[in-house]
Structures are given as structure tokens and as C-alpha cells.
Amino acid sequence: MSEKPALTIALAWPRGFCAGVDRAIQIVEKALETFGAPVYVRHEIVHNKFVVDSLRDQGAVFVDDLADCPDDRPVVFSAHGVPKSVPAAAEARQMIYLDATCPLVSKVHIEADRHTAAGDQVILIGHANHPEVIGTMGQVPDGSMLLVETIEQAETVQPADPDHIAYVTQTTLSVDDTAQIVEVLRRRFPALKGPKKEDICYATTNRQAAVKALAPECDALMVIGAPNSSNSKRLVEVAHRAGCERAVLVQRASDIDWSLLDGVQTLGITAGASAPEVLVEEVIAAARLRYELTLKDVRVTEETISFKLPATLAGS
């Protein structure tokens, strides 16, 4: 029997769950403990199939619309946030609802609301049809917010009054791409107002920084995450730009095409903010069956942030 080839796995840190995702999952679990099953969840609580399936097994029912929820069962709004019309509709039906919107997304909602109230038109930098973008655009009157996805769109967007505009951003964007878009907007609109602290969340920023540190020393890099996870897809893009051309997104170990690692001596691994650590451990275990592994950490910072649960669940 031939010896297994050697492989070094370099693990990015920080990786995986952020405080907002952790809080959202806890809200669903606590709601199930408090109210019993079923508890309804509007939209995937976070973008990760493993997490959603696990919560479904515990009694969560995932729906796309509030209309799919009965009046007499609790409903949880996902970490991505919802338009103002959704809690208003829940209140009109006298439903019990729990808002699992990430506090950093709520911060963007508050900014958009404040700018609109002050008479400024808001430009949202983000990806069309992403749940977070839909939720943020739903904080202001229909049609009043302008969406910009690219540098090209930043060059052509036409606000109603260039002297009264502001911008906010989706929290899971590429830090570098967003900076370039903001640079274009500031050049075109000197009166542009922005957030006092950047909207891209700490977890997105830290995970991208970790990949930038990791990618140059890796022959290949795996991002553990879902294909509909914005922050996970951005990590693949960041790895490519940082010099690791063989960077791929995988949901879990069973999805890996191991032939992609032919000739690879150092494999980088990270995980998107909605991917649980168990999936990273699963990939390492699968690699151990095929390789003689050496593990090492590549750390860029430590994270100590946590968010409180809603008062209705905090004591449960």
C-alpha cells in the first residue's frame, strides 16, 4: 500500500459564524424551546443548508412569505432583515414575531431611514435581489432608493438632487470593490454623505483580511459556504485577487472534487460567516483519509463581539 501524500492545511482565522448569525440561530432555537414547534421562519434564517436543515429537524418551518404563516404560531424574521411592511403586516394580524435581523444590518436600516427623513436620496451599494438588499430598500418609500452594484453603474447613476444624497451599503460586500465604488460616487457627487462607520460588517472585513493573508502561501483554497451566501462568494473572489487562482466554494466535504488538489502541497481553508465550524471539521476529517496532514493557523485578529437576544427570549 502506497503512503498517503503530504498536505498542509492552513486554516484562516477568523472564519465561520459571526455574532449576527450565531444570534439568529439562537433566536430560532430559543423560540422553539419557549413556544414549542412549529416555529415559522420567513426566509432562510441564514444562507447555509446545513444550518437550515438542522433547524428544520428541530421543528422550524421555513417559508418565503408571511402569508404562508398561520396567525397563531410565532414567526422569526431572518438575519438578513426585512422591509418595514413585513413587521407591520405581522402586527396587523396580531402575530407573535421575533426579529433576528443582524444588529449591523439594522444599523444600515436606521441610517437609510435617517437620511430619507432628512431629505437626502439614498444610494444603496449592494447586489440586486439579495434578501438584505430587499430589506434595506424596504425601509424607505418605493422607488426612492437607488441601487448601485458596479463601478460602471456608479459612473452613470443619476440622483434627483446631487446636493442631497447619501449612501449605505450591504454588509457582506467585497471591501475593495465597495471602496472603489464609493470613490467614484464621491468624485461625481462631492456632497455625498456616508456612514460615520463603514457599513460592511466587522466579520466580512475580518474574513476577507484573513483570506488575503492566507492566499499567497496556498496552492489552493477552499471556502466552506453556500452558493447563495454573498459573503462566502466574496471570499472566493478575494482569494483569486490575492494570488490563489485555485480557490473554490464548497458546501461540505461530500461536494469536494479531490482531483482539484492534485499537486497541491498547501491547502487554505476558510468558512463564510453563515457556515458552522462542524463543516470545516468535516472537510479536515475527509482530507485526513487521503493525506498525511499538517495543520496550521493563519490568524489576523481575534473576535469577541456578541449580540444580545431579544428581551422576550433572553430569560428563556
C-alpha atoms as a PDB file:
ATOM      1  CA  MET A   1       0.000   0.000   0.000  1.00  0.00           C
ATOM      2  CA  SER A   2       1.401   3.382  -1.014  1.00  0.00           C
ATOM      3  CA  GLU A   3       1.876   6.072   1.583  1.00  0.00           C
ATOM      4  CA  LYS A   4      -0.591   8.919   1.618  1.00  0.00           C
ATOM      5  CA  PRO A   5       0.748  12.157   0.114  1.00  0.00           C
ATOM      6  CA  ALA A   6       1.571  15.002   2.474  1.00  0.00           C
ATOM      7  CA  LEU A   7      -0.724  18.017   2.663  1.00  0.00           C
ATOM      8  CA  THR A   8      -0.511  21.125   4.808  1.00  0.00           C
ATOM      9  CA  ILE A   9      -3.841  22.736   5.627  1.00  0.00           C
ATOM     10  CA  ALA A  10      -3.610  26.403   6.543  1.00  0.00           C
ATOM     11  CA  LEU A  11      -6.700  27.465   8.471  1.00  0.00           C
ATOM     12  CA  ALA A  12      -7.828  31.084   8.244  1.00  0.00           C
ATOM     13  CA  TRP A  13      -8.860  32.880  11.393  1.00  0.00           C
ATOM     14  CA  PRO A  14     -11.342  34.409  11.832  1.00  0.00           C
ATOM     15  CA  ARG A  15     -13.644  32.131   9.847  1.00  0.00           C
ATOM     16  CA  GLY A  16     -17.175  30.796  10.092  1.00  0.00           C
ATOM     17  CA  PHE A  17     -20.022  32.035  12.250  1.00  0.00           C
ATOM     18  CA  CYS A  18     -20.224  35.736  13.033  1.00  0.00           C
ATOM     19  CA  ALA A  19     -22.089  37.194  16.011  1.00  0.00           C
ATOM     20  CA  GLY A  20     -25.149  38.072  13.924  1.00  0.00           C
ATOM     21  CA  VAL A  21     -25.503  34.553  12.532  1.00  0.00           C
ATOM     22  CA  ASP A  22     -24.955  32.998  15.957  1.00  0.00           C
ATOM     23  CA  ARG A  23     -27.639  35.262  17.426  1.00  0.00           C
ATOM     24  CA  ALA A  24     -30.142  34.472  14.639  1.00  0.00           C
ATOM     25  CA  ILE A  25     -29.757  30.716  15.101  1.00  0.00           C
ATOM     26  CA  GLN A  26     -30.096  31.088  18.874  1.00  0.00           C
ATOM     27  CA  ILE A  27     -33.325  33.054  18.369  1.00  0.00           C
ATOM     28  CA  VAL A  28     -34.884  30.199  16.385  1.00  0.00           C
ATOM     29  CA  GLU A  29     -33.691  27.585  18.898  1.00  0.00           C
ATOM     30  CA  LYS A  30     -34.902  29.633  21.891  1.00  0.00           C
ATOM     31  CA  ALA A  31     -38.245  30.265  20.164  1.00  0.00           C
ATOM     32  CA  LEU A  32     -38.681  26.506  19.729  1.00  0.00           C
ATOM     33  CA  GLU A  33     -37.889  25.999  23.434  1.00  0.00           C
ATOM     34  CA  THR A  34     -40.237  28.794  24.503  1.00  0.00           C
ATOM     35  CA  PHE A  35     -43.214  28.278  22.195  1.00  0.00           C
ATOM     36  CA  GLY A  36     -42.764  24.676  21.050  1.00  0.00           C
ATOM     37  CA  ALA A  37     -42.837  23.503  17.454  1.00  0.00           C
ATOM     38  CA  PRO A  38     -43.626  24.605  14.884  1.00  0.00           C
ATOM     39  CA  VAL A  39     -41.959  27.995  14.750  1.00  0.00           C
ATOM     40  CA  TYR A  40     -42.119  29.655  11.337  1.00  0.00           C
ATOM     41  CA  VAL A  41     -39.121  31.417   9.809  1.00  0.00           C
ATOM     42  CA  ARG A  42     -39.557  33.890   6.979  1.00  0.00           C
ATOM     43  CA  HIS A  43     -36.751  33.147   4.515  1.00  0.00           C
ATOM     44  CA  GLU A  44     -33.709  31.019   5.334  1.00  0.00           C
ATOM     45  CA  ILE A  45     -32.546  32.225   8.757  1.00  0.00           C
ATOM     46  CA  VAL A  46     -29.005  32.323   7.327  1.00  0.00           C
ATOM     47  CA  HIS A  47     -27.687  31.184   3.986  1.00  0.00           C
ATOM     48  CA  ASN A  48     -26.480  27.707   4.848  1.00  0.00           C
ATOM     49  CA  LYS A  49     -28.286  24.459   4.018  1.00  0.00           C
ATOM     50  CA  PHE A  50     -26.742  22.528   6.917  1.00  0.00           C
ATOM     51  CA  VAL A  51     -27.989  25.117   9.426  1.00  0.00           C
ATOM     52  CA  VAL A  52     -31.439  25.350   7.849  1.00  0.00           C
ATOM     53  CA  ASP A  53     -31.856  21.565   7.711  1.00  0.00           C
ATOM     54  CA  SER A  54     -30.754  21.256  11.344  1.00  0.00           C
ATOM     55  CA  LEU A  55     -33.325  23.816  12.497  1.00  0.00           C
ATOM     56  CA  ARG A  56     -35.991  22.209  10.331  1.00  0.00           C
ATOM     57  CA  ASP A  57     -35.302  18.918  12.099  1.00  0.00           C
ATOM     58  CA  GLN A  58     -35.949  20.701  15.411  1.00  0.00           C
ATOM     59  CA  GLY A  59     -39.336  21.985  14.254  1.00  0.00           C
ATOM     60  CA  ALA A  60     -38.679  25.189  12.322  1.00  0.00           C
ATOM     61  CA  VAL A  61     -40.775  25.718   9.198  1.00  0.00           C
ATOM     62  CA  PHE A  62     -39.182  27.915   6.536  1.00  0.00           C
ATOM     63  CA  VAL A  63     -41.452  29.970   4.297  1.00  0.00           C
ATOM     64  CA  ASP A  64     -40.904  32.625   1.657  1.00  0.00           C
ATOM     65  CA  ASP A  65     -43.764  34.902   2.631  1.00  0.00           C
ATOM     66  CA  LEU A  66     -45.612  35.969   5.764  1.00  0.00           C
ATOM     67  CA  ALA A  67     -48.820  34.876   4.023  1.00  0.00           C
ATOM     68  CA  ASP A  68     -47.607  31.283   4.399  1.00  0.00           C
ATOM     69  CA  CYS A  69     -47.594  31.593   8.220  1.00  0.00           C
ATOM     70  CA  PRO A  70     -50.626  30.889  10.430  1.00  0.00           C
ATOM     71  CA  ASP A  71     -51.746  33.665  12.776  1.00  0.00           C
ATOM     72  CA  ASP A  72     -51.362  31.562  15.912  1.00  0.00           C
ATOM     73  CA  ARG A  73     -47.706  30.491  15.625  1.00  0.00           C
ATOM     74  CA  PRO A  74     -44.557  32.577  16.164  1.00  0.00           C
ATOM     75  CA  VAL A  75     -42.606  33.766  13.144  1.00  0.00           C
ATOM     76  CA  VAL A  76     -38.914  34.717  13.048  1.00  0.00           C
ATOM     77  CA  PHE A  77     -37.528  37.224  10.536  1.00  0.00           C
ATOM     78  CA  SER A  78     -34.161  36.192   9.102  1.00  0.00           C
ATOM     79  CA  ALA A  79     -30.747  37.683   9.881  1.00  0.00           C
ATOM     80  CA  HIS A  80     -30.787  39.483   6.523  1.00  0.00           C
ATOM     81  CA  GLY A  81     -33.545  41.883   7.594  1.00  0.00           C
ATOM     82  CA  VAL A  82     -36.988  42.568   6.151  1.00  0.00           C
ATOM     83  CA  PRO A  83     -38.834  45.545   4.651  1.00  0.00           C
ATOM     84  CA  LYS A  84     -40.842  47.666   7.094  1.00  0.00           C
ATOM     85  CA  SER A  85     -44.026  46.269   5.563  1.00  0.00           C
ATOM     86  CA  VAL A  86     -43.353  42.779   6.973  1.00  0.00           C
ATOM     87  CA  PRO A  87     -43.478  43.510  10.748  1.00  0.00           C
ATOM     88  CA  ALA A  88     -46.343  45.929  10.030  1.00  0.00           C
ATOM     89  CA  ALA A  89     -48.293  43.077   8.414  1.00  0.00           C
ATOM     90  CA  ALA A  90     -47.454  40.763  11.333  1.00  0.00           C
ATOM     91  CA  GLU A  91     -48.713  43.360  13.814  1.00  0.00           C
ATOM     92  CA  ALA A  92     -51.900  43.842  11.814  1.00  0.00           C
ATOM     93  CA  ARG A  93     -52.515  40.092  12.128  1.00  0.00           C
ATOM     94  CA  GLN A  94     -51.626  40.214  15.866  1.00  0.00           C
ATOM     95  CA  MET A  95     -48.881  37.631  15.316  1.00  0.00           C
ATOM     96  CA  ILE A  96     -46.017  36.877  17.669  1.00  0.00           C
ATOM     97  CA  TYR A  97     -42.891  37.767  15.740  1.00  0.00           C
ATOM     98  CA  LEU A  98     -39.205  37.759  16.598  1.00  0.00           C
ATOM     99  CA  ASP A  99     -36.769  39.864  14.627  1.00  0.00           C
ATOM    100  CA  ALA A 100     -33.451  38.069  14.077  1.00  0.00           C
ATOM    101  CA  THR A 101     -32.095  40.836  11.843  1.00  0.00           C
ATOM    102  CA  CYS A 102     -28.364  41.230  12.475  1.00  0.00           C
ATOM    103  CA  PRO A 103     -27.843  44.407  14.533  1.00  0.00           C
ATOM    104  CA  LEU A 104     -25.290  45.573  11.947  1.00  0.00           C
ATOM    105  CA  VAL A 105     -27.942  45.273   9.220  1.00  0.00           C
ATOM    106  CA  SER A 106     -30.374  47.141  11.481  1.00  0.00           C
ATOM    107  CA  LYS A 107     -27.743  49.889  11.725  1.00  0.00           C
ATOM    108  CA  VAL A 108     -27.902  50.280   7.929  1.00  0.00           C
ATOM    109  CA  HIS A 109     -31.709  50.398   8.072  1.00  0.00           C
ATOM    110  CA  ILE A 110     -31.555  53.194  10.650  1.00  0.00           C
ATOM    111  CA  GLU A 111     -29.074  55.147   8.511  1.00  0.00           C
ATOM    112  CA  ALA A 112     -31.280  54.837   5.417  1.00  0.00           C
ATOM    113  CA  ASP A 113     -34.326  55.954   7.385  1.00  0.00           C
ATOM    114  CA  ARG A 114     -32.447  58.896   8.919  1.00  0.00           C
ATOM    115  CA  HIS A 115     -31.091  60.132   5.579  1.00  0.00           C
ATOM    116  CA  THR A 116     -34.512  59.862   3.947  1.00  0.00           C
ATOM    117  CA  ALA A 117     -36.153  61.765   6.800  1.00  0.00           C
ATOM    118  CA  ALA A 118     -33.513  64.495   6.372  1.00  0.00           C
ATOM    119  CA  GLY A 119     -34.437  64.892   2.700  1.00  0.00           C
ATOM    120  CA  ASP A 120     -31.493  63.021   1.211  1.00  0.00           C
ATOM    121  CA  GLN A 121     -31.901  60.423  -1.528  1.00  0.00           C
ATOM    122  CA  VAL A 122     -30.122  57.200  -0.589  1.00  0.00           C
ATOM    123  CA  ILE A 123     -27.846  55.198  -2.868  1.00  0.00           C
ATOM    124  CA  LEU A 124     -27.530  51.579  -1.743  1.00  0.00           C
ATOM    125  CA  ILE A 125     -24.385  49.754  -2.818  1.00  0.00           C
ATOM    126  CA  GLY A 126     -25.319  46.081  -2.981  1.00  0.00           C
ATOM    127  CA  HIS A 127     -26.449  43.109  -5.037  1.00  0.00           C
ATOM    128  CA  ALA A 128     -29.921  43.161  -6.585  1.00  0.00           C
ATOM    129  CA  ASN A 129     -32.405  40.611  -5.222  1.00  0.00           C
ATOM    130  CA  HIS A 130     -30.269  39.679  -2.218  1.00  0.00           C
ATOM    131  CA  PRO A 131     -32.566  39.446   0.840  1.00  0.00           C
ATOM    132  CA  GLU A 132     -30.527  42.052   2.713  1.00  0.00           C
ATOM    133  CA  VAL A 133     -30.862  44.496  -0.175  1.00  0.00           C
ATOM    134  CA  ILE A 134     -34.599  43.867  -0.431  1.00  0.00           C
ATOM    135  CA  GLY A 135     -34.932  44.521   3.295  1.00  0.00           C
ATOM    136  CA  THR A 136     -32.887  47.723   3.188  1.00  0.00           C
ATOM    137  CA  MET A 137     -34.719  49.107   0.162  1.00  0.00           C
ATOM    138  CA  GLY A 138     -37.949  48.356   2.012  1.00  0.00           C
ATOM    139  CA  GLN A 139     -37.044  50.840   4.756  1.00  0.00           C
ATOM    140  CA  VAL A 140     -37.873  53.820   2.535  1.00  0.00           C
ATOM    141  CA  PRO A 141     -40.751  54.692   0.166  1.00  0.00           C
ATOM    142  CA  ASP A 142     -40.894  52.612  -3.011  1.00  0.00           C
ATOM    143  CA  GLY A 143     -38.666  53.898  -5.772  1.00  0.00           C
ATOM    144  CA  SER A 144     -36.833  56.452  -3.644  1.00  0.00           C
ATOM    145  CA  MET A 145     -33.630  54.445  -3.113  1.00  0.00           C
ATOM    146  CA  LEU A 146     -31.135  53.931  -5.935  1.00  0.00           C
ATOM    147  CA  LEU A 147     -29.255  50.617  -6.179  1.00  0.00           C
ATOM    148  CA  VAL A 148     -25.667  50.591  -7.445  1.00  0.00           C
ATOM    149  CA  GLU A 149     -23.966  47.222  -7.987  1.00  0.00           C
ATOM    150  CA  THR A 150     -20.855  48.099 -10.010  1.00  0.00           C
ATOM    151  CA  ILE A 151     -18.282  50.810 -10.711  1.00  0.00           C
ATOM    152  CA  GLU A 152     -19.925  51.261 -14.127  1.00  0.00           C
ATOM    153  CA  GLN A 153     -23.285  51.952 -12.513  1.00  0.00           C
ATOM    154  CA  ALA A 154     -21.630  54.355 -10.080  1.00  0.00           C
ATOM    155  CA  GLU A 155     -20.411  56.319 -13.102  1.00  0.00           C
ATOM    156  CA  THR A 156     -23.920  56.650 -14.559  1.00  0.00           C
ATOM    157  CA  VAL A 157     -26.355  56.781 -11.607  1.00  0.00           C
ATOM    158  CA  GLN A 158     -28.430  59.978 -11.629  1.00  0.00           C
ATOM    159  CA  PRO A 159     -29.865  61.103  -8.287  1.00  0.00           C
ATOM    160  CA  ALA A 160     -32.686  63.633  -8.287  1.00  0.00           C
ATOM    161  CA  ASP A 161     -30.561  66.235  -6.475  1.00  0.00           C
ATOM    162  CA  PRO A 162     -26.759  65.711  -6.367  1.00  0.00           C
ATOM    163  CA  ASP A 163     -26.535  68.082  -3.398  1.00  0.00           C
ATOM    164  CA  HIS A 164     -28.816  65.940  -1.250  1.00  0.00           C
ATOM    165  CA  ILE A 165     -27.649  62.347  -1.468  1.00  0.00           C
ATOM    166  CA  ALA A 166     -26.183  59.755   0.875  1.00  0.00           C
ATOM    167  CA  TYR A 167     -25.011  56.167   0.574  1.00  0.00           C
ATOM    168  CA  VAL A 168     -25.302  52.974   2.589  1.00  0.00           C
ATOM    169  CA  THR A 169     -24.037  49.510   1.725  1.00  0.00           C
ATOM    170  CA  GLN A 170     -24.925  45.867   2.031  1.00  0.00           C
ATOM    171  CA  THR A 171     -22.918  44.432   4.929  1.00  0.00           C
ATOM    172  CA  THR A 172     -21.405  41.455   3.076  1.00  0.00           C
ATOM    173  CA  LEU A 173     -19.688  43.095   0.096  1.00  0.00           C
ATOM    174  CA  SER A 174     -16.083  43.000  -1.052  1.00  0.00           C
ATOM    175  CA  VAL A 175     -14.278  45.674   0.953  1.00  0.00           C
ATOM    176  CA  ASP A 176     -12.047  46.589  -2.009  1.00  0.00           C
ATOM    177  CA  ASP A 177     -14.842  46.679  -4.607  1.00  0.00           C
ATOM    178  CA  THR A 178     -17.008  48.831  -2.365  1.00  0.00           C
ATOM    179  CA  ALA A 179     -14.179  51.291  -1.720  1.00  0.00           C
ATOM    180  CA  GLN A 180     -13.764  51.744  -5.475  1.00  0.00           C
ATOM    181  CA  ILE A 181     -17.491  52.350  -5.954  1.00  0.00           C
ATOM    182  CA  VAL A 182     -17.566  54.887  -3.110  1.00  0.00           C
ATOM    183  CA  GLU A 183     -14.530  56.636  -4.637  1.00  0.00           C
ATOM    184  CA  VAL A 184     -16.423  57.071  -7.914  1.00  0.00           C
ATOM    185  CA  LEU A 185     -19.533  58.353  -6.153  1.00  0.00           C
ATOM    186  CA  ARG A 186     -17.525  60.864  -4.084  1.00  0.00           C
ATOM    187  CA  ARG A 187     -15.766  62.125  -7.212  1.00  0.00           C
ATOM    188  CA  ARG A 188     -19.071  62.638  -9.009  1.00  0.00           C
ATOM    189  CA  PHE A 189     -21.020  63.928  -6.012  1.00  0.00           C
ATOM    190  CA  PRO A 190     -18.870  65.961  -3.583  1.00  0.00           C
ATOM    191  CA  ALA A 191     -21.869  66.484  -1.270  1.00  0.00           C
ATOM    192  CA  LEU A 192     -22.323  62.727  -0.803  1.00  0.00           C
ATOM    193  CA  LYS A 193     -22.953  61.751   2.817  1.00  0.00           C
ATOM    194  CA  GLY A 194     -21.790  58.382   4.155  1.00  0.00           C
ATOM    195  CA  PRO A 195     -21.897  56.353   7.344  1.00  0.00           C
ATOM    196  CA  LYS A 196     -19.710  57.512  10.233  1.00  0.00           C
ATOM    197  CA  LYS A 197     -18.510  53.927  10.469  1.00  0.00           C
ATOM    198  CA  GLU A 198     -18.409  51.737   7.376  1.00  0.00           C
ATOM    199  CA  ASP A 199     -21.468  49.547   6.789  1.00  0.00           C
ATOM    200  CA  ILE A 200     -19.537  46.455   5.717  1.00  0.00           C
ATOM    201  CA  CYS A 201     -19.579  44.430   8.900  1.00  0.00           C
ATOM    202  CA  TYR A 202     -16.584  43.550  11.033  1.00  0.00           C
ATOM    203  CA  ALA A 203     -16.969  39.834  10.244  1.00  0.00           C
ATOM    204  CA  THR A 204     -16.959  40.341   6.480  1.00  0.00           C
ATOM    205  CA  THR A 205     -13.924  42.633   6.775  1.00  0.00           C
ATOM    206  CA  ASN A 206     -12.019  40.240   9.063  1.00  0.00           C
ATOM    207  CA  ARG A 207     -12.712  37.153   6.967  1.00  0.00           C
ATOM    208  CA  GLN A 208     -11.569  38.910   3.817  1.00  0.00           C
ATOM    209  CA  ALA A 209      -8.409  40.117   5.579  1.00  0.00           C
ATOM    210  CA  ALA A 210      -7.676  36.549   6.711  1.00  0.00           C
ATOM    211  CA  VAL A 211      -8.028  35.261   3.151  1.00  0.00           C
ATOM    212  CA  LYS A 212      -5.721  37.996   1.869  1.00  0.00           C
ATOM    213  CA  ALA A 213      -3.105  36.839   4.379  1.00  0.00           C
ATOM    214  CA  LEU A 214      -3.661  33.169   3.597  1.00  0.00           C
ATOM    215  CA  ALA A 215      -3.995  33.071  -0.191  1.00  0.00           C
ATOM    216  CA  PRO A 216      -0.415  33.923  -1.250  1.00  0.00           C
ATOM    217  CA  GLU A 217       1.026  30.938   0.633  1.00  0.00           C
ATOM    218  CA  CYS A 218      -1.528  28.401  -0.656  1.00  0.00           C
ATOM    219  CA  ASP A 219      -1.599  26.304  -3.822  1.00  0.00           C
ATOM    220  CA  ALA A 220      -5.377  26.013  -3.499  1.00  0.00           C
ATOM    221  CA  LEU A 221      -8.025  27.407  -1.179  1.00  0.00           C
ATOM    222  CA  MET A 222     -11.475  26.177  -0.170  1.00  0.00           C
ATOM    223  CA  VAL A 223     -14.187  28.451   1.123  1.00  0.00           C
ATOM    224  CA  ILE A 224     -16.779  26.438   3.040  1.00  0.00           C
ATOM    225  CA  GLY A 225     -20.126  28.079   2.422  1.00  0.00           C
ATOM    226  CA  ALA A 226     -23.376  28.061   0.494  1.00  0.00           C
ATOM    227  CA  PRO A 227     -23.679  29.119  -3.155  1.00  0.00           C
ATOM    228  CA  ASN A 228     -26.312  31.710  -2.172  1.00  0.00           C
ATOM    229  CA  SER A 229     -24.113  33.197   0.565  1.00  0.00           C
ATOM    230  CA  SER A 230     -22.873  36.624  -0.506  1.00  0.00           C
ATOM    231  CA  ASN A 231     -20.030  36.815   1.995  1.00  0.00           C
ATOM    232  CA  SER A 232     -18.802  33.314   1.061  1.00  0.00           C
ATOM    233  CA  LYS A 233     -18.724  34.108  -2.652  1.00  0.00           C
ATOM    234  CA  ARG A 234     -16.798  37.299  -1.929  1.00  0.00           C
ATOM    235  CA  LEU A 235     -14.141  35.242  -0.111  1.00  0.00           C
ATOM    236  CA  VAL A 236     -13.504  33.226  -3.273  1.00  0.00           C
ATOM    237  CA  GLU A 237     -13.108  36.450  -5.252  1.00  0.00           C
ATOM    238  CA  VAL A 238     -10.749  37.874  -2.636  1.00  0.00           C
ATOM    239  CA  ALA A 239      -8.608  34.712  -2.781  1.00  0.00           C
ATOM    240  CA  HIS A 240      -8.338  34.935  -6.570  1.00  0.00           C
ATOM    241  CA  ARG A 241      -7.236  38.560  -6.383  1.00  0.00           C
ATOM    242  CA  ALA A 242      -4.751  37.781  -3.614  1.00  0.00           C
ATOM    243  CA  GLY A 243      -2.938  35.310  -5.830  1.00  0.00           C
ATOM    244  CA  CYS A 244      -4.613  31.941  -5.282  1.00  0.00           C
ATOM    245  CA  GLU A 245      -6.172  31.038  -8.625  1.00  0.00           C
ATOM    246  CA  ARG A 246      -7.352  27.623  -7.411  1.00  0.00           C
ATOM    247  CA  ALA A 247      -9.910  28.984  -4.956  1.00  0.00           C
ATOM    248  CA  VAL A 248     -13.306  27.292  -4.873  1.00  0.00           C
ATOM    249  CA  LEU A 249     -16.563  27.418  -2.916  1.00  0.00           C
ATOM    250  CA  VAL A 250     -17.768  24.109  -1.453  1.00  0.00           C
ATOM    251  CA  GLN A 251     -20.795  23.448   0.721  1.00  0.00           C
ATOM    252  CA  ARG A 252     -19.349  20.477   2.584  1.00  0.00           C
ATOM    253  CA  ALA A 253     -16.884  17.582   2.314  1.00  0.00           C
ATOM    254  CA  SER A 254     -19.159  15.412   0.162  1.00  0.00           C
ATOM    255  CA  ASP A 255     -19.119  18.112  -2.548  1.00  0.00           C
ATOM    256  CA  ILE A 256     -15.324  18.254  -2.919  1.00  0.00           C
ATOM    257  CA  ASP A 257     -13.727  17.262  -6.208  1.00  0.00           C
ATOM    258  CA  TRP A 258     -10.477  15.922  -4.782  1.00  0.00           C
ATOM    259  CA  SER A 259      -8.833  15.860  -8.215  1.00  0.00           C
ATOM    260  CA  LEU A 260      -8.607  19.637  -7.903  1.00  0.00           C
ATOM    261  CA  LEU A 261      -5.951  19.071  -5.234  1.00  0.00           C
ATOM    262  CA  ASP A 262      -3.613  17.102  -7.483  1.00  0.00           C
ATOM    263  CA  GLY A 263      -0.145  18.521  -6.932  1.00  0.00           C
ATOM    264  CA  VAL A 264      -1.286  20.763  -4.089  1.00  0.00           C
ATOM    265  CA  GLN A 265       1.075  20.935  -1.117  1.00  0.00           C
ATOM    266  CA  THR A 266      -0.650  23.664   0.904  1.00  0.00           C
ATOM    267  CA  LEU A 267      -4.433  23.981   1.024  1.00  0.00           C
ATOM    268  CA  GLY A 268      -6.042  27.019   2.613  1.00  0.00           C
ATOM    269  CA  ILE A 269      -9.427  26.612   4.289  1.00  0.00           C
ATOM    270  CA  THR A 270     -11.829  29.265   5.481  1.00  0.00           C
ATOM    271  CA  ALA A 271     -15.583  29.434   6.004  1.00  0.00           C
ATOM    272  CA  GLY A 272     -18.210  32.055   5.307  1.00  0.00           C
ATOM    273  CA  ALA A 273     -19.952  33.819   8.172  1.00  0.00           C
ATOM    274  CA  SER A 274     -23.000  31.530   7.931  1.00  0.00           C
ATOM    275  CA  ALA A 275     -21.039  28.251   7.804  1.00  0.00           C
ATOM    276  CA  PRO A 276     -20.707  26.290  11.075  1.00  0.00           C
ATOM    277  CA  GLU A 277     -17.315  25.046  12.247  1.00  0.00           C
ATOM    278  CA  VAL A 278     -18.543  21.451  12.082  1.00  0.00           C
ATOM    279  CA  LEU A 279     -18.375  21.684   8.286  1.00  0.00           C
ATOM    280  CA  VAL A 280     -14.726  22.761   8.460  1.00  0.00           C
ATOM    281  CA  GLU A 281     -14.008  19.821  10.775  1.00  0.00           C
ATOM    282  CA  GLU A 282     -15.810  17.533   8.319  1.00  0.00           C
ATOM    283  CA  VAL A 283     -13.560  18.688   5.459  1.00  0.00           C
ATOM    284  CA  ILE A 284     -10.426  18.195   7.567  1.00  0.00           C
ATOM    285  CA  ALA A 285     -11.577  14.672   8.506  1.00  0.00           C
ATOM    286  CA  ALA A 286     -12.203  13.828   4.842  1.00  0.00           C
ATOM    287  CA  ALA A 287      -8.773  15.171   3.886  1.00  0.00           C
ATOM    288  CA  ARG A 288      -7.157  13.101   6.637  1.00  0.00           C
ATOM    289  CA  LEU A 289      -8.392   9.928   4.939  1.00  0.00           C
ATOM    290  CA  ARG A 290      -6.487  10.900   1.798  1.00  0.00           C
ATOM    291  CA  TYR A 291      -3.415  12.755   3.060  1.00  0.00           C
ATOM    292  CA  GLU A 292      -0.864  12.897   5.823  1.00  0.00           C
ATOM    293  CA  LEU A 293      -1.998  16.211   7.253  1.00  0.00           C
ATOM    294  CA  THR A 294      -0.172  19.052   8.910  1.00  0.00           C
ATOM    295  CA  LEU A 295      -2.442  21.778  10.280  1.00  0.00           C
ATOM    296  CA  LYS A 296      -1.506  25.379  10.966  1.00  0.00           C
ATOM    297  CA  ASP A 297      -3.429  28.546  11.785  1.00  0.00           C
ATOM    298  CA  VAL A 298      -3.142  31.873   9.985  1.00  0.00           C
ATOM    299  CA  ARG A 299      -4.613  34.470  12.357  1.00  0.00           C
ATOM    300  CA  VAL A 300      -5.161  38.129  11.558  1.00  0.00           C
ATOM    301  CA  THR A 301      -7.309  39.162  14.532  1.00  0.00           C
ATOM    302  CA  GLU A 302      -9.470  37.875  17.362  1.00  0.00           C
ATOM    303  CA  GLU A 303     -13.226  38.435  17.530  1.00  0.00           C
ATOM    304  CA  THR A 304     -15.007  38.992  20.826  1.00  0.00           C
ATOM    305  CA  ILE A 305     -18.256  40.610  19.648  1.00  0.00           C
ATOM    306  CA  SER A 306     -21.588  39.125  20.705  1.00  0.00           C
ATOM    307  CA  PHE A 307     -25.152  40.381  20.372  1.00  0.00           C
ATOM    308  CA  LYS A 308     -27.955  40.120  22.910  1.00  0.00           C
ATOM    309  CA  LEU A 309     -31.095  38.110  22.252  1.00  0.00           C
ATOM    310  CA  PRO A 310     -34.488  39.891  22.080  1.00  0.00           C
ATOM    311  CA  ALA A 311     -35.848  40.643  25.551  1.00  0.00           C
ATOM    312  CA  THR A 312     -38.736  38.183  25.057  1.00  0.00           C
ATOM    313  CA  LEU A 313     -36.244  35.314  24.759  1.00  0.00           C
ATOM    314  CA  ALA A 314     -33.312  36.481  26.841  1.00  0.00           C
ATOM    315  CA  GLY A 315     -34.506  34.766  30.001  1.00  0.00           C
ATOM    316  CA  SER A 316     -35.774  31.581  28.408  1.00  0.00           C
END
